[in-house]
Amino acid sequence: MIERDPVCGRDVDTKEAIVVFKLGNDRYRYFCSEKCAQIFQKTRLGL
């Protein structure tokens, strides 16, 4: 399954995603790299 990285917009294969965030019961975010995951944490989650 292919999802879009919410930071850089690249297509990410969910089986090969570097980092996965679970938001809520059935919402997931997949990232192409650790860097994109860190940017998401800082800008979207305020961590």
N, C-alpha and C. Protein backbone atom coordinates (compact mmCIF):
# COMPACT_ATOMS: atom_id res chain seq x y z
N MET A 1 0.85 -1.18 0.00
CA MET A 1 0.00 0.00 0.00
C MET A 1 0.90 1.25 0.00
N ILE A 2 0.51 2.24 -0.75
CA ILE A 2 1.29 3.47 -0.86
C ILE A 2 0.57 4.61 -0.15
N GLU A 3 1.29 5.30 0.71
CA GLU A 3 0.78 6.49 1.40
C GLU A 3 1.69 7.65 1.06
N ARG A 4 1.22 8.85 1.26
CA ARG A 4 2.02 10.05 0.99
C ARG A 4 2.63 10.56 2.29
N ASP A 5 3.94 10.83 2.26
CA ASP A 5 4.63 11.43 3.41
C ASP A 5 4.03 12.82 3.62
N PRO A 6 3.49 13.12 4.81
CA PRO A 6 2.83 14.41 5.04
C PRO A 6 3.78 15.60 5.08
N VAL A 7 5.08 15.37 5.15
CA VAL A 7 6.05 16.46 5.22
C VAL A 7 6.59 16.80 3.83
N CYS A 8 7.15 15.82 3.15
CA CYS A 8 7.81 16.09 1.86
C CYS A 8 6.94 15.75 0.66
N GLY A 9 5.87 14.97 0.87
CA GLY A 9 4.97 14.63 -0.21
C GLY A 9 5.37 13.43 -1.04
N ARG A 10 6.46 12.76 -0.67
CA ARG A 10 6.89 11.58 -1.42
C ARG A 10 5.94 10.41 -1.15
N ASP A 11 5.84 9.52 -2.12
CA ASP A 11 5.08 8.29 -1.92
C ASP A 11 5.92 7.34 -1.07
N VAL A 12 5.27 6.70 -0.09
CA VAL A 12 5.96 5.80 0.83
C VAL A 12 5.21 4.47 0.84
N ASP A 13 5.94 3.38 0.61
CA ASP A 13 5.36 2.05 0.74
C ASP A 13 5.21 1.76 2.23
N THR A 14 4.01 1.47 2.68
CA THR A 14 3.77 1.29 4.11
C THR A 14 4.56 0.12 4.69
N LYS A 15 4.93 -0.85 3.87
CA LYS A 15 5.73 -1.98 4.35
C LYS A 15 7.19 -1.60 4.54
N GLU A 16 7.63 -0.52 3.89
CA GLU A 16 9.03 -0.11 3.97
C GLU A 16 9.21 1.24 4.65
N ALA A 17 8.16 1.76 5.25
CA ALA A 17 8.22 3.08 5.88
C ALA A 17 9.25 3.09 7.01
N ILE A 18 9.98 4.18 7.12
CA ILE A 18 11.01 4.31 8.15
C ILE A 18 10.37 4.49 9.53
N VAL A 19 9.40 5.37 9.61
CA VAL A 19 8.77 5.69 10.89
C VAL A 19 7.26 5.73 10.68
N VAL A 20 6.52 5.20 11.63
CA VAL A 20 5.06 5.22 11.57
C VAL A 20 4.54 5.85 12.86
N PHE A 21 3.69 6.85 12.72
CA PHE A 21 3.02 7.43 13.88
C PHE A 21 1.58 6.98 13.88
N LYS A 22 1.07 6.58 15.03
CA LYS A 22 -0.34 6.24 15.15
C LYS A 22 -1.05 7.42 15.80
N LEU A 23 -2.05 7.95 15.10
CA LEU A 23 -2.83 9.07 15.60
C LEU A 23 -4.28 8.60 15.71
N GLY A 24 -4.76 8.44 16.92
CA GLY A 24 -6.13 7.94 17.08
C GLY A 24 -6.19 6.43 16.88
N ASN A 25 -7.39 5.93 16.73
CA ASN A 25 -7.58 4.48 16.63
C ASN A 25 -7.11 3.90 15.31
N ASP A 26 -7.48 4.51 14.21
CA ASP A 26 -7.17 3.92 12.90
C ASP A 26 -6.44 4.88 11.98
N ARG A 27 -5.83 5.91 12.51
CA ARG A 27 -5.11 6.89 11.68
C ARG A 27 -3.62 6.71 11.86
N TYR A 28 -2.92 6.57 10.75
CA TYR A 28 -1.48 6.37 10.78
C TYR A 28 -0.81 7.38 9.86
N ARG A 29 0.43 7.73 10.17
CA ARG A 29 1.25 8.59 9.32
C ARG A 29 2.54 7.84 9.02
N TYR A 30 2.90 7.79 7.76
CA TYR A 30 4.10 7.09 7.31
C TYR A 30 5.10 8.10 6.77
N PHE A 31 6.38 7.87 7.05
CA PHE A 31 7.42 8.82 6.65
C PHE A 31 8.52 8.11 5.88
N CYS A 32 9.13 8.85 4.94
CA CYS A 32 10.21 8.28 4.12
C CYS A 32 11.53 8.29 4.88
N SER A 33 11.65 9.16 5.90
CA SER A 33 12.92 9.26 6.62
C SER A 33 12.68 9.73 8.05
N GLU A 34 13.68 9.53 8.87
CA GLU A 34 13.65 10.00 10.25
C GLU A 34 13.55 11.52 10.29
N LYS A 35 14.20 12.19 9.35
CA LYS A 35 14.18 13.65 9.30
C LYS A 35 12.75 14.17 9.11
N CYS A 36 12.02 13.58 8.18
CA CYS A 36 10.63 14.00 7.96
C CYS A 36 9.77 13.74 9.20
N ALA A 37 10.01 12.63 9.88
CA ALA A 37 9.26 12.33 11.09
C ALA A 37 9.55 13.37 12.18
N GLN A 38 10.80 13.80 12.30
CA GLN A 38 11.15 14.82 13.29
C GLN A 38 10.51 16.16 12.96
N ILE A 39 10.49 16.52 11.69
CA ILE A 39 9.84 17.77 11.28
C ILE A 39 8.36 17.71 11.60
N PHE A 40 7.72 16.57 11.34
CA PHE A 40 6.30 16.40 11.65
C PHE A 40 6.05 16.56 13.15
N GLN A 41 6.91 15.96 13.97
CA GLN A 41 6.77 16.08 15.42
C GLN A 41 6.83 17.53 15.86
N LYS A 42 7.77 18.27 15.34
CA LYS A 42 7.97 19.66 15.76
C LYS A 42 6.87 20.58 15.25
N THR A 43 6.49 20.44 13.99
CA THR A 43 5.55 21.39 13.39
C THR A 43 4.09 21.04 13.60
N ARG A 44 3.77 19.77 13.59
CA ARG A 44 2.36 19.37 13.66
C ARG A 44 1.93 18.96 15.06
N LEU A 45 2.84 18.35 15.81
CA LEU A 45 2.48 17.84 17.13
C LEU A 45 3.00 18.72 18.26
N GLY A 46 3.88 19.65 17.94
CA GLY A 46 4.41 20.55 18.95
C GLY A 46 5.32 19.88 19.96
N LEU A 47 6.00 18.81 19.55
CA LEU A 47 6.89 18.09 20.48
C LEU A 47 8.32 18.53 20.34
